[in-house]
């Protein structure tokens, strides 16, 4: 059975979903809620991805090609850019 959803629409939906999630991003509270323990956090305070903590996943994935140059850190936010560009064998590139 083939999907009736156009691959371009899937990319647009995923980009919109990511934008909605990132738009709702807030600063972490000083302490986790009762019953929870924070085991990791990263406030992305620098100007680039801290490669001592994170790594770039590169190469072809499901519908896109992963490129480190599409990953930025600005104003405490990690941004993964989804671009309509030729990369590898894919028509889309993301961070």
N, C-alpha and C. Protein backbone atom coordinates (compact mmCIF):
# COMPACT_ATOMS: atom_id res chain seq x y z
N UNK A 1 0.85 -1.18 0.00
CA UNK A 1 0.00 0.00 0.00
C UNK A 1 0.89 1.24 0.00
N UNK A 2 0.66 2.15 -0.93
CA UNK A 2 1.46 3.36 -1.00
C UNK A 2 0.75 4.49 -0.30
N UNK A 3 1.53 5.42 0.19
CA UNK A 3 0.98 6.58 0.89
C UNK A 3 0.43 7.57 -0.11
N UNK A 4 -0.73 8.12 0.18
CA UNK A 4 -1.35 9.12 -0.69
C UNK A 4 -0.82 10.51 -0.38
N UNK A 5 0.01 10.61 0.63
CA UNK A 5 0.54 11.92 1.02
C UNK A 5 1.80 12.22 0.22
N UNK A 6 1.81 13.34 -0.42
CA UNK A 6 2.94 13.82 -1.20
C UNK A 6 4.15 14.02 -0.29
N UNK A 7 5.37 13.57 -0.69
CA UNK A 7 6.57 13.77 0.15
C UNK A 7 6.82 15.23 0.50
N UNK A 8 6.52 16.15 -0.41
CA UNK A 8 6.68 17.58 -0.11
C UNK A 8 5.77 18.00 1.03
N UNK A 9 4.56 17.45 1.07
CA UNK A 9 3.63 17.78 2.14
C UNK A 9 4.12 17.22 3.47
N UNK A 10 4.74 16.04 3.44
CA UNK A 10 5.29 15.46 4.66
C UNK A 10 6.37 16.37 5.23
N UNK A 11 7.25 16.87 4.36
CA UNK A 11 8.33 17.77 4.79
C UNK A 11 7.73 19.05 5.38
N UNK A 12 6.75 19.62 4.70
CA UNK A 12 6.13 20.85 5.20
C UNK A 12 5.45 20.61 6.54
N UNK A 13 4.79 19.47 6.70
CA UNK A 13 4.14 19.16 7.96
C UNK A 13 5.17 19.02 9.07
N UNK A 14 6.25 18.30 8.82
CA UNK A 14 7.29 18.12 9.83
C UNK A 14 7.94 19.45 10.20
N UNK A 15 8.17 20.31 9.21
CA UNK A 15 8.75 21.63 9.48
C UNK A 15 7.79 22.47 10.33
N UNK A 16 6.50 22.41 10.01
CA UNK A 16 5.51 23.16 10.79
C UNK A 16 5.44 22.63 12.21
N UNK A 17 5.45 21.31 12.37
CA UNK A 17 5.42 20.71 13.70
C UNK A 17 6.64 21.13 14.52
N UNK A 18 7.81 21.11 13.90
CA UNK A 18 9.03 21.54 14.59
C UNK A 18 8.93 23.01 14.98
N UNK A 19 8.41 23.85 14.10
CA UNK A 19 8.26 25.27 14.41
C UNK A 19 7.32 25.48 15.59
N UNK A 20 6.23 24.74 15.64
CA UNK A 20 5.28 24.87 16.75
C UNK A 20 5.93 24.43 18.06
N UNK A 21 6.68 23.33 18.02
CA UNK A 21 7.36 22.86 19.22
C UNK A 21 8.37 23.88 19.70
N UNK A 22 9.17 24.42 18.77
CA UNK A 22 10.19 25.40 19.15
C UNK A 22 9.56 26.71 19.62
N UNK A 23 8.43 27.08 19.06
CA UNK A 23 7.77 28.32 19.48
C UNK A 23 7.30 28.23 20.92
N UNK A 24 6.99 27.03 21.37
CA UNK A 24 6.53 26.84 22.74
C UNK A 24 7.67 26.61 23.72
N UNK A 25 8.91 26.72 23.26
CA UNK A 25 10.06 26.49 24.12
C UNK A 25 10.15 27.57 25.19
N UNK A 26 10.35 27.15 26.41
CA UNK A 26 10.49 28.10 27.51
C UNK A 26 11.75 27.79 28.29
N UNK A 27 12.15 28.71 29.13
CA UNK A 27 13.31 28.50 29.99
C UNK A 27 12.97 27.46 31.04
N UNK A 28 13.91 26.58 31.32
CA UNK A 28 13.67 25.55 32.34
C UNK A 28 13.46 26.18 33.71
N UNK A 29 12.56 25.65 34.51
CA UNK A 29 12.38 26.16 35.87
C UNK A 29 13.63 25.87 36.70
N UNK A 30 13.78 26.60 37.79
CA UNK A 30 14.94 26.42 38.67
C UNK A 30 15.02 24.99 39.21
N UNK A 31 13.89 24.38 39.44
CA UNK A 31 13.87 23.00 39.96
C UNK A 31 12.81 22.21 39.21
N UNK A 32 13.02 20.91 39.02
CA UNK A 32 12.01 20.10 38.34
C UNK A 32 10.75 19.97 39.21
N UNK A 33 9.63 19.65 38.59
CA UNK A 33 8.40 19.47 39.35
C UNK A 33 8.54 18.34 40.37
N UNK A 34 7.72 18.33 41.39
CA UNK A 34 7.76 17.25 42.39
C UNK A 34 7.65 15.88 41.74
N UNK A 35 8.50 14.97 42.19
CA UNK A 35 8.48 13.61 41.67
C UNK A 35 9.39 13.39 40.47
N UNK A 36 10.02 14.46 39.97
CA UNK A 36 10.91 14.34 38.81
C UNK A 36 12.32 14.76 39.20
N UNK A 37 13.28 14.21 38.50
CA UNK A 37 14.68 14.58 38.68
C UNK A 37 15.26 14.93 37.32
N UNK A 38 15.80 16.12 37.19
CA UNK A 38 16.44 16.52 35.94
C UNK A 38 17.78 15.81 35.86
N UNK A 39 18.01 15.11 34.76
CA UNK A 39 19.27 14.39 34.61
C UNK A 39 20.20 15.05 33.60
N UNK A 40 19.67 15.97 32.80
CA UNK A 40 20.50 16.66 31.81
C UNK A 40 19.80 17.93 31.38
N UNK A 41 20.58 18.97 31.11
CA UNK A 41 20.03 20.19 30.50
C UNK A 41 21.14 20.87 29.72
N UNK A 42 20.75 21.61 28.72
CA UNK A 42 21.69 22.41 27.94
C UNK A 42 20.95 23.67 27.55
N UNK A 43 21.45 24.79 28.00
CA UNK A 43 20.79 26.07 27.72
C UNK A 43 21.29 26.70 26.43
N UNK A 44 22.21 26.04 25.73
CA UNK A 44 22.75 26.52 24.46
C UNK A 44 23.19 27.97 24.57
N UNK A 45 24.05 28.23 25.55
CA UNK A 45 24.53 29.59 25.80
C UNK A 45 25.61 30.07 24.84
N UNK A 46 26.23 29.19 24.11
CA UNK A 46 27.31 29.58 23.22
C UNK A 46 26.82 30.08 21.88
N UNK A 47 27.74 30.11 20.94
CA UNK A 47 27.41 30.55 19.58
C UNK A 47 27.49 29.40 18.59
N UNK A 48 27.81 28.21 19.08
CA UNK A 48 27.89 27.02 18.23
C UNK A 48 27.51 25.80 19.06
N UNK A 49 27.18 24.74 18.38
CA UNK A 49 26.83 23.49 19.06
C UNK A 49 28.05 22.98 19.81
N UNK A 50 27.87 22.64 21.08
CA UNK A 50 28.97 22.11 21.91
C UNK A 50 29.19 20.65 21.52
N UNK A 51 30.23 20.40 20.74
CA UNK A 51 30.49 19.05 20.25
C UNK A 51 31.10 18.14 21.32
N UNK A 52 31.33 18.68 22.52
CA UNK A 52 31.72 17.82 23.65
C UNK A 52 30.50 17.12 24.24
N UNK A 53 29.31 17.67 23.96
CA UNK A 53 28.06 17.13 24.48
C UNK A 53 27.21 16.53 23.36
N UNK A 54 27.22 17.18 22.20
CA UNK A 54 26.37 16.79 21.06
C UNK A 54 27.24 16.39 19.88
N UNK A 55 26.65 15.64 18.96
CA UNK A 55 27.34 15.33 17.71
C UNK A 55 26.40 15.59 16.55
N UNK A 56 27.00 15.84 15.39
CA UNK A 56 26.21 16.05 14.17
C UNK A 56 25.96 14.70 13.53
N UNK A 57 24.70 14.40 13.33
CA UNK A 57 24.33 13.20 12.58
C UNK A 57 24.34 13.61 11.11
N UNK A 58 25.20 13.03 10.31
CA UNK A 58 25.33 13.45 8.93
C UNK A 58 24.93 12.34 7.97
N UNK A 59 24.66 12.73 6.74
CA UNK A 59 24.33 11.77 5.70
C UNK A 59 22.85 11.68 5.42
N UNK A 60 22.49 10.77 4.52
CA UNK A 60 21.11 10.62 4.08
C UNK A 60 20.27 9.95 5.16
N UNK A 61 19.08 10.49 5.36
CA UNK A 61 18.09 9.91 6.26
C UNK A 61 16.80 9.75 5.46
N UNK A 62 15.69 9.48 6.13
CA UNK A 62 14.43 9.15 5.47
C UNK A 62 14.12 10.04 4.26
N UNK A 63 13.87 11.32 4.49
CA UNK A 63 13.50 12.22 3.39
C UNK A 63 14.47 13.38 3.22
N UNK A 64 15.57 13.37 3.96
CA UNK A 64 16.47 14.51 3.89
C UNK A 64 17.92 14.07 4.04
N UNK A 65 18.80 15.02 3.85
CA UNK A 65 20.24 14.83 4.02
C UNK A 65 20.67 15.71 5.18
N UNK A 66 21.36 15.15 6.15
CA UNK A 66 21.76 15.88 7.36
C UNK A 66 23.08 16.61 7.12
N UNK A 67 23.10 17.94 7.39
CA UNK A 67 24.31 18.74 7.15
C UNK A 67 24.61 19.58 8.40
N UNK A 68 25.83 19.49 8.94
CA UNK A 68 26.19 20.27 10.13
C UNK A 68 26.02 21.78 9.94
N UNK A 69 26.22 22.28 8.72
CA UNK A 69 26.09 23.73 8.51
C UNK A 69 24.66 24.23 8.63
N UNK A 70 23.69 23.33 8.74
CA UNK A 70 22.30 23.72 8.94
C UNK A 70 21.90 23.71 10.42
N UNK A 71 22.89 23.60 11.30
CA UNK A 71 22.67 23.64 12.75
C UNK A 71 23.28 24.92 13.29
N UNK A 72 22.48 25.73 14.00
CA UNK A 72 23.00 26.97 14.60
C UNK A 72 22.52 27.08 16.04
N UNK A 73 23.27 27.84 16.81
CA UNK A 73 22.91 28.16 18.19
C UNK A 73 22.89 29.68 18.28
N UNK A 74 21.73 30.23 18.67
CA UNK A 74 21.55 31.67 18.77
C UNK A 74 20.59 31.99 19.90
N UNK A 75 20.97 32.94 20.75
CA UNK A 75 20.09 33.41 21.83
C UNK A 75 19.53 32.27 22.68
N UNK A 76 20.36 31.29 22.97
CA UNK A 76 19.94 30.19 23.83
C UNK A 76 19.08 29.15 23.15
N UNK A 77 18.97 29.20 21.83
CA UNK A 77 18.15 28.23 21.09
C UNK A 77 19.00 27.43 20.12
N UNK A 78 18.72 26.15 20.03
CA UNK A 78 19.31 25.30 19.02
C UNK A 78 18.36 25.31 17.84
N UNK A 79 18.87 25.64 16.67
CA UNK A 79 18.03 25.70 15.47
C UNK A 79 18.52 24.69 14.44
N UNK A 80 17.58 23.89 13.95
CA UNK A 80 17.86 22.92 12.90
C UNK A 80 17.13 23.41 11.65
N UNK A 81 17.88 23.88 10.67
CA UNK A 81 17.28 24.46 9.47
C UNK A 81 16.89 23.36 8.49
N UNK A 82 15.67 23.42 8.01
CA UNK A 82 15.19 22.53 6.97
C UNK A 82 15.18 23.35 5.69
N UNK A 83 15.99 22.94 4.71
CA UNK A 83 16.13 23.72 3.48
C UNK A 83 15.78 22.88 2.26
N UNK A 84 15.13 23.52 1.31
CA UNK A 84 14.84 22.86 0.05
C UNK A 84 16.04 23.10 -0.85
N UNK A 85 16.97 22.16 -0.81
CA UNK A 85 18.20 22.25 -1.60
C UNK A 85 18.67 20.85 -1.92
N UNK A 86 19.36 20.72 -3.02
CA UNK A 86 19.90 19.42 -3.38
C UNK A 86 21.06 19.10 -2.45
N UNK A 87 21.05 17.91 -1.89
CA UNK A 87 22.12 17.46 -1.00
C UNK A 87 22.19 15.95 -1.10
N UNK A 88 23.31 15.46 -1.53
CA UNK A 88 23.41 14.02 -1.71
C UNK A 88 22.37 13.58 -2.72
N UNK A 89 21.62 12.55 -2.40
CA UNK A 89 20.56 12.06 -3.28
C UNK A 89 19.19 12.60 -2.88
N UNK A 90 19.14 13.51 -1.93
CA UNK A 90 17.87 14.03 -1.43
C UNK A 90 17.62 15.44 -1.95
N UNK A 91 16.35 15.85 -1.92
CA UNK A 91 15.96 17.19 -2.34
C UNK A 91 15.84 18.15 -1.17
N UNK A 92 16.06 17.64 0.05
CA UNK A 92 15.95 18.46 1.25
C UNK A 92 17.20 18.26 2.09
N UNK A 93 17.57 19.30 2.83
CA UNK A 93 18.70 19.20 3.75
C UNK A 93 18.27 19.78 5.09
N UNK A 94 18.73 19.19 6.16
CA UNK A 94 18.39 19.63 7.50
C UNK A 94 19.65 19.52 8.36
N UNK A 95 19.59 20.12 9.56
CA UNK A 95 20.74 20.09 10.45
C UNK A 95 20.92 18.76 11.13
